[in-house]
């Protein structure tokens, strides 16, 4: 449920959090960040190139400024509807308290303090007048999470082959490559997959696991791909031996909560016109699936472990499409 269906102060953590959108300014420049270099390049005409890195979980991080302080390394989290600030980051920036709100994590709900952030800047992309939840850095694994309240209505590109990150305006002039229909098999063409909004996020409906249609959420903030109990049940009904291959584990939420899960090699996962094999996924009865009314429908959170199988993944929130560029020779 989005904030339009709940109190405006409530926060949702998917893989791992949630919030509200800020429209991009007119003629917004493209921010282009090279993740592979340790020194910033000269700024190109179309945007800004900044220093950044990968965190220990191989999630992409980007330098973020809060007011005039920073940069702080925030994980790019397409599963978070609201940007989240680490406790230590909020203290360093002397951010003013703005009350408390319930935060929904993968395992449950708990209260979290809010802070006022007059301005958040990523390159030349800015959001103003934010009220953001604060969680411990130890749980976030970074100085903060950059959610889709900053990305919404914009186009975001995760360049895994070239270790780059871009954020810029959505629209026909902001397309990537020459594109193709979701079912066209040209091995050199990017695959464009239509998406829909659900719970404030882009969801791919043209997806399945071993032929079972699923709702696929792209969650770049999650280390592991995770399916719900309905998907597990359907897979076991089709192939009972699937249950015997599972290994018990636990999932950790950004709130610090844990949830029991079973890990197994996933049968073929299809996203639009692309099929992936040998993917490992966790299966769990997560609070977030209940919150999204997906307990009775097969659904999957596609984590960074799957997204890294592509050269590039572009989420165009304005055009409601996802563009996948396959690895050469895959």
Protein backbone atom coordinates (compact mmCIF):
# COMPACT_ATOMS: atom_id res chain seq x y z
CA UNK A 1 0.00 0.00 0.00
CA UNK A 2 1.21 3.38 -0.96
CA UNK A 3 1.05 6.43 1.24
CA UNK A 4 -2.22 7.39 -0.48
CA UNK A 5 -3.78 4.34 1.17
CA UNK A 6 -2.17 4.83 4.57
CA UNK A 7 -1.35 7.76 6.81
CA UNK A 8 1.07 10.18 5.15
CA UNK A 9 3.63 9.72 7.91
CA UNK A 10 3.74 5.93 7.59
CA UNK A 11 6.82 4.31 6.09
CA UNK A 12 7.00 1.02 4.19
CA UNK A 13 10.16 -1.08 4.03
CA UNK A 14 10.23 -3.58 1.18
CA UNK A 15 13.65 -4.73 0.38
CA UNK A 16 13.95 -2.35 2.34
CA UNK A 17 11.83 0.91 2.84
CA UNK A 18 9.08 3.42 1.39
CA UNK A 19 7.65 7.03 0.82
CA UNK A 20 6.46 9.84 -1.49
CA UNK A 21 7.60 11.34 -4.79
CA UNK A 22 9.21 14.57 -5.89
CA UNK A 23 8.68 15.65 -9.52
CA UNK A 24 11.86 16.41 -11.51
CA UNK A 25 12.61 20.02 -12.38
CA UNK A 26 12.35 21.06 -16.04
CA UNK A 27 15.38 20.30 -18.24
CA UNK A 28 16.95 18.32 -15.47
CA UNK A 29 20.51 17.24 -16.36
CA UNK A 30 21.56 13.62 -16.42
CA UNK A 31 23.75 12.57 -13.51
CA UNK A 32 26.34 10.07 -14.73
CA UNK A 33 28.49 8.36 -12.12
CA UNK A 34 31.41 6.08 -12.90
CA UNK A 35 31.60 3.45 -10.19
CA UNK A 36 34.90 1.93 -11.26
CA UNK A 37 37.17 4.93 -10.77
CA UNK A 38 38.46 6.36 -7.52
CA UNK A 39 38.85 9.91 -8.84
CA UNK A 40 36.07 12.01 -10.39
CA UNK A 41 36.32 12.73 -14.11
CA UNK A 42 35.80 16.11 -15.72
CA UNK A 43 32.06 16.83 -15.80
CA UNK A 44 30.50 16.12 -19.23
CA UNK A 45 28.08 18.53 -20.85
CA UNK A 46 25.05 16.38 -19.98
CA UNK A 47 25.58 16.02 -16.26
CA UNK A 48 27.96 15.34 -13.43
CA UNK A 49 30.39 12.48 -12.97
CA UNK A 50 31.15 11.62 -9.36
CA UNK A 51 33.16 9.20 -7.29
CA UNK A 52 31.26 6.26 -5.85
CA UNK A 53 31.67 2.56 -5.08
CA UNK A 54 30.02 -0.77 -4.25
CA UNK A 55 29.18 -1.78 -0.70
CA UNK A 56 30.21 -5.13 0.82
CA UNK A 57 27.03 -6.79 -0.50
CA UNK A 58 27.87 -5.58 -4.05
CA UNK A 59 24.90 -3.24 -4.04
CA UNK A 60 25.52 0.04 -5.86
CA UNK A 61 26.17 3.08 -3.68
CA UNK A 62 26.08 6.71 -4.76
CA UNK A 63 27.35 9.92 -3.07
CA UNK A 64 24.50 11.89 -1.50
CA UNK A 65 24.56 15.37 0.09
CA UNK A 66 22.16 16.29 2.88
CA UNK A 67 21.83 20.05 2.94
CA UNK A 68 25.47 21.03 2.40
CA UNK A 69 27.05 18.09 4.20
CA UNK A 70 28.51 15.01 2.57
CA UNK A 71 29.07 13.11 0.49
CA UNK A 72 27.50 10.11 2.21
CA UNK A 73 27.34 6.69 0.54
CA UNK A 74 23.68 5.71 0.01
CA UNK A 75 22.67 2.34 -1.45
CA UNK A 76 20.51 2.69 -4.58
CA UNK A 77 17.39 0.88 -3.43
CA UNK A 78 14.58 0.44 -5.97
CA UNK A 79 12.69 -1.59 -3.35
CA UNK A 80 12.44 1.40 -1.01
CA UNK A 81 9.60 3.84 -1.55
CA UNK A 82 11.23 6.31 0.81
CA UNK A 83 14.86 7.34 1.25
CA UNK A 84 16.29 6.36 4.64
CA UNK A 85 19.03 8.07 6.64
CA UNK A 86 21.44 6.22 8.90
CA UNK A 87 21.53 7.25 12.57
CA UNK A 88 25.16 8.30 12.38
CA UNK A 89 24.53 10.32 9.20
CA UNK A 90 21.58 12.15 10.80
CA UNK A 91 23.70 12.99 13.85
CA UNK A 92 26.58 14.33 11.73
CA UNK A 93 24.17 16.57 9.81
CA UNK A 94 22.37 17.75 12.97
CA UNK A 95 19.01 16.96 11.38
CA UNK A 96 15.97 18.19 13.28
CA UNK A 97 13.54 15.62 14.67
CA UNK A 98 10.18 15.32 12.91
CA UNK A 99 8.32 12.81 15.06
CA UNK A 100 7.96 9.06 14.83
CA UNK A 101 6.31 6.80 12.23
CA UNK A 102 5.71 3.06 11.90
CA UNK A 103 8.19 1.38 9.58
CA UNK A 104 7.19 -1.82 7.78
CA UNK A 105 10.06 -4.22 7.26
CA UNK A 106 10.16 -7.64 5.66
CA UNK A 107 9.53 -9.27 9.05
CA UNK A 108 7.11 -6.83 10.70
CA UNK A 109 6.47 -3.27 11.75
CA UNK A 110 8.21 -1.07 14.31
CA UNK A 111 8.37 2.66 15.13
CA UNK A 112 11.25 4.73 13.79
CA UNK A 113 12.19 8.38 14.33
CA UNK A 114 11.80 10.86 11.47
CA UNK A 115 14.11 13.76 10.66
CA UNK A 116 13.61 16.86 8.52
CA UNK A 117 15.85 17.04 5.45
CA UNK A 118 15.48 20.47 3.78
CA UNK A 119 17.51 19.39 0.75
CA UNK A 120 18.87 16.10 -0.56
CA UNK A 121 21.18 16.22 -3.57
CA UNK A 122 22.59 13.51 -5.84
CA UNK A 123 24.77 15.30 -8.37
CA UNK A 124 22.46 18.00 -9.72
CA UNK A 125 19.27 16.07 -8.93
CA UNK A 126 17.65 17.58 -5.85
CA UNK A 127 14.66 16.87 -3.61
CA UNK A 128 13.39 19.36 -1.03
CA UNK A 129 11.37 19.37 2.18
CA UNK A 130 11.73 15.67 3.02
CA UNK A 131 10.76 13.91 6.23
CA UNK A 132 12.78 10.71 6.34
CA UNK A 133 13.01 7.73 8.72
CA UNK A 134 16.23 7.03 10.57
CA UNK A 135 17.64 3.54 11.08
CA UNK A 136 20.98 2.23 12.39
CA UNK A 137 23.82 2.13 9.87
CA UNK A 138 24.61 -1.40 11.02
CA UNK A 139 21.20 -2.53 9.71
CA UNK A 140 21.33 -0.49 6.51
CA UNK A 141 24.88 -1.50 5.66
CA UNK A 142 25.53 2.06 4.41
CA UNK A 143 25.08 5.72 5.33
CA UNK A 144 21.54 5.53 3.98
CA UNK A 145 19.22 4.14 1.31
CA UNK A 146 18.27 6.15 -1.79
CA UNK A 147 14.63 5.28 -2.45
CA UNK A 148 12.21 5.88 -5.28
CA UNK A 149 10.91 9.12 -3.76
CA UNK A 150 14.01 10.56 -5.47
CA UNK A 151 13.90 8.23 -8.49
CA UNK A 152 10.17 8.36 -9.27
CA UNK A 153 9.18 10.14 -12.51
CA UNK A 154 12.82 9.88 -13.58
CA UNK A 155 14.91 7.38 -15.50
CA UNK A 156 17.57 5.39 -13.65
CA UNK A 157 20.23 3.23 -15.24
CA UNK A 158 22.36 0.68 -13.38
CA UNK A 159 25.38 0.00 -15.58
CA UNK A 160 26.89 -3.24 -14.28
CA UNK A 161 29.19 -3.79 -17.27
CA UNK A 162 30.74 -0.32 -17.12
CA UNK A 163 30.18 0.20 -13.37
CA UNK A 164 28.11 3.35 -13.89
CA UNK A 165 24.94 4.88 -12.50
CA UNK A 166 22.78 7.43 -14.28
CA UNK A 167 19.70 9.33 -13.19
CA UNK A 168 17.92 11.78 -15.43
CA UNK A 169 14.56 12.85 -16.85
CA UNK A 170 12.12 10.33 -18.25
CA UNK A 171 10.75 10.57 -21.76
CA UNK A 172 11.20 9.46 -25.37
CA UNK A 173 14.50 11.35 -25.64
CA UNK A 174 15.96 9.44 -22.71
CA UNK A 175 15.86 5.93 -24.13
CA UNK A 176 18.72 3.46 -23.95
CA UNK A 177 20.07 1.64 -27.00
CA UNK A 178 17.81 0.82 -29.90
CA UNK A 179 15.47 -1.37 -27.90
CA UNK A 180 13.18 -4.21 -28.87
CA UNK A 181 9.83 -5.73 -28.09
CA UNK A 182 9.73 -7.87 -24.96
CA UNK A 183 9.54 -11.06 -27.09
CA UNK A 184 12.04 -10.31 -29.87
CA UNK A 185 15.09 -12.57 -29.70
CA UNK A 186 17.73 -10.31 -31.25
CA UNK A 187 20.70 -11.13 -28.98
CA UNK A 188 22.23 -7.68 -29.44
CA UNK A 189 19.15 -5.59 -28.71
CA UNK A 190 18.05 -4.36 -25.29
CA UNK A 191 14.76 -5.88 -24.14
CA UNK A 192 12.03 -3.41 -23.17
CA UNK A 193 9.52 -4.80 -20.69
CA UNK A 194 6.35 -2.85 -19.79
CA UNK A 195 5.79 -2.32 -16.07
CA UNK A 196 2.99 -1.10 -13.85
CA UNK A 197 2.85 0.81 -10.60
CA UNK A 198 1.99 -1.17 -7.51
CA UNK A 199 2.64 0.02 -3.98
CA UNK A 200 4.53 2.96 -5.51
CA UNK A 201 7.01 0.72 -7.35
CA UNK A 202 7.52 -0.60 -10.86
CA UNK A 203 6.33 -4.19 -11.18
CA UNK A 204 6.90 -6.48 -14.17
CA UNK A 205 3.79 -8.53 -14.96
CA UNK A 206 5.33 -10.28 -17.99
CA UNK A 207 7.38 -12.66 -15.86
CA UNK A 208 7.24 -16.27 -14.70
CA UNK A 209 9.14 -18.90 -12.75
CA UNK A 210 9.09 -22.31 -14.46
CA UNK A 211 5.98 -21.21 -16.35
CA UNK A 212 4.16 -19.89 -13.25
CA UNK A 213 3.20 -16.22 -13.82
CA UNK A 214 4.60 -13.96 -11.11
CA UNK A 215 4.56 -10.30 -10.09
CA UNK A 216 8.25 -9.31 -10.20
CA UNK A 217 9.45 -6.34 -8.10
CA UNK A 218 12.96 -5.10 -8.92
CA UNK A 219 14.76 -4.53 -5.63
CA UNK A 220 18.35 -3.31 -6.07
CA UNK A 221 18.66 -2.88 -2.30
CA UNK A 222 18.17 -6.57 -1.56
CA UNK A 223 21.16 -8.92 -1.59
CA UNK A 224 19.06 -11.96 -2.44
CA UNK A 225 16.02 -12.67 -4.61
CA UNK A 226 12.99 -13.76 -2.57
CA UNK A 227 9.73 -15.48 -3.51
CA UNK A 228 6.55 -15.66 -1.46
CA UNK A 229 4.90 -18.75 0.01
CA UNK A 230 2.34 -18.98 -2.80
CA UNK A 231 5.13 -19.27 -5.37
CA UNK A 232 6.89 -21.91 -3.25
CA UNK A 233 3.67 -23.94 -2.94
CA UNK A 234 3.01 -23.89 -6.68
CA UNK A 235 6.60 -24.91 -7.46
CA UNK A 236 6.41 -27.84 -5.00
CA UNK A 237 3.07 -28.95 -6.47
CA UNK A 238 4.68 -29.12 -9.92
CA UNK A 239 7.92 -30.74 -8.73
CA UNK A 240 7.79 -32.24 -5.19
CA UNK A 241 11.57 -32.78 -5.16
CA UNK A 242 11.95 -28.98 -5.11
CA UNK A 243 11.10 -28.98 -1.38
CA UNK A 244 13.88 -31.46 -0.61
CA UNK A 245 16.53 -29.17 -2.11
CA UNK A 246 15.79 -26.27 0.27
CA UNK A 247 18.22 -25.10 2.95
CA UNK A 248 17.00 -23.20 5.98
CA UNK A 249 18.33 -19.67 6.53
CA UNK A 250 17.29 -16.25 7.87
CA UNK A 251 16.66 -12.91 6.16
CA UNK A 252 17.70 -9.63 7.77
CA UNK A 253 15.59 -6.49 7.34
CA UNK A 254 16.89 -2.93 7.35
CA UNK A 255 14.97 -2.55 10.61
CA UNK A 256 17.20 -5.23 12.14
CA UNK A 257 14.36 -7.77 12.26
CA UNK A 258 14.88 -11.31 10.99
CA UNK A 259 12.59 -13.72 9.17
CA UNK A 260 13.01 -17.48 8.66
CA UNK A 261 13.45 -18.53 5.03
CA UNK A 262 14.39 -21.49 2.86
CA UNK A 263 17.02 -21.14 0.16
CA UNK A 264 16.88 -23.13 -3.09
CA UNK A 265 18.01 -23.08 -6.70
CA UNK A 266 15.22 -21.42 -8.65
CA UNK A 267 13.87 -23.01 -11.83
CA UNK A 268 14.06 -20.83 -14.91
CA UNK A 269 13.15 -17.20 -14.21
CA UNK A 270 11.79 -15.21 -17.16
CA UNK A 271 11.63 -11.41 -17.19
CA UNK A 272 10.01 -10.29 -20.43
CA UNK A 273 12.00 -11.82 -23.29
CA UNK A 274 14.94 -12.91 -21.13
CA UNK A 275 15.29 -16.20 -19.31
CA UNK A 276 17.75 -16.82 -16.48
CA UNK A 277 18.86 -20.17 -15.12
CA UNK A 278 20.83 -21.21 -12.03
CA UNK A 279 19.37 -18.46 -9.84
CA UNK A 280 19.25 -19.06 -6.09
CA UNK A 281 16.28 -17.58 -4.23
CA UNK A 282 14.91 -17.49 -0.70
CA UNK A 283 11.27 -18.33 0.04
CA UNK A 284 9.57 -16.80 3.06
CA UNK A 285 6.26 -15.60 4.43
CA UNK A 286 7.26 -11.95 4.55
CA UNK A 287 5.30 -9.14 6.14
CA UNK A 288 5.88 -7.03 3.04
CA UNK A 289 4.00 -9.50 0.81
CA UNK A 290 1.01 -9.26 3.17
CA UNK A 291 1.23 -5.48 3.11
CA UNK A 292 1.08 -5.51 -0.70
CA UNK A 293 -1.91 -7.92 -0.76
CA UNK A 294 0.25 -10.52 -2.51
CA UNK A 295 -0.14 -13.45 -0.15
CA UNK A 296 -2.49 -15.22 -2.56
CA UNK A 297 -0.62 -14.36 -5.78
CA UNK A 298 2.82 -15.73 -6.73
CA UNK A 299 5.31 -12.88 -6.37
CA UNK A 300 9.06 -12.39 -6.28
CA UNK A 301 11.45 -9.66 -5.18
CA UNK A 302 14.26 -9.65 -7.75
CA UNK A 303 17.43 -8.70 -5.90
CA UNK A 304 20.84 -7.40 -6.91
CA UNK A 305 22.05 -11.01 -7.27
CA UNK A 306 19.81 -11.39 -10.35
CA UNK A 307 20.17 -7.85 -11.69
CA UNK A 308 23.95 -8.34 -11.91
CA UNK A 309 23.37 -10.97 -14.60
CA UNK A 310 22.76 -8.09 -17.04
CA UNK A 311 25.13 -5.53 -18.52
CA UNK A 312 22.66 -2.72 -17.81
CA UNK A 313 19.23 -2.38 -16.23
CA UNK A 314 17.23 0.82 -16.77
CA UNK A 315 14.07 1.67 -14.83
CA UNK A 316 12.07 4.43 -16.50
CA UNK A 317 9.53 5.43 -13.86
CA UNK A 318 7.91 8.04 -16.09
CA UNK A 319 7.39 5.71 -19.08
CA UNK A 320 6.70 2.68 -16.88
CA UNK A 321 9.13 0.33 -18.50
CA UNK A 322 12.26 -1.62 -17.63
CA UNK A 323 15.08 -2.07 -20.15
CA UNK A 324 17.43 -5.03 -19.85
CA UNK A 325 20.69 -5.27 -21.75
CA UNK A 326 22.05 -8.79 -21.73
CA UNK A 327 25.65 -9.69 -21.19
CA UNK A 328 27.58 -10.26 -24.38
CA UNK A 329 27.45 -13.89 -25.40
CA UNK A 330 24.88 -14.84 -22.73
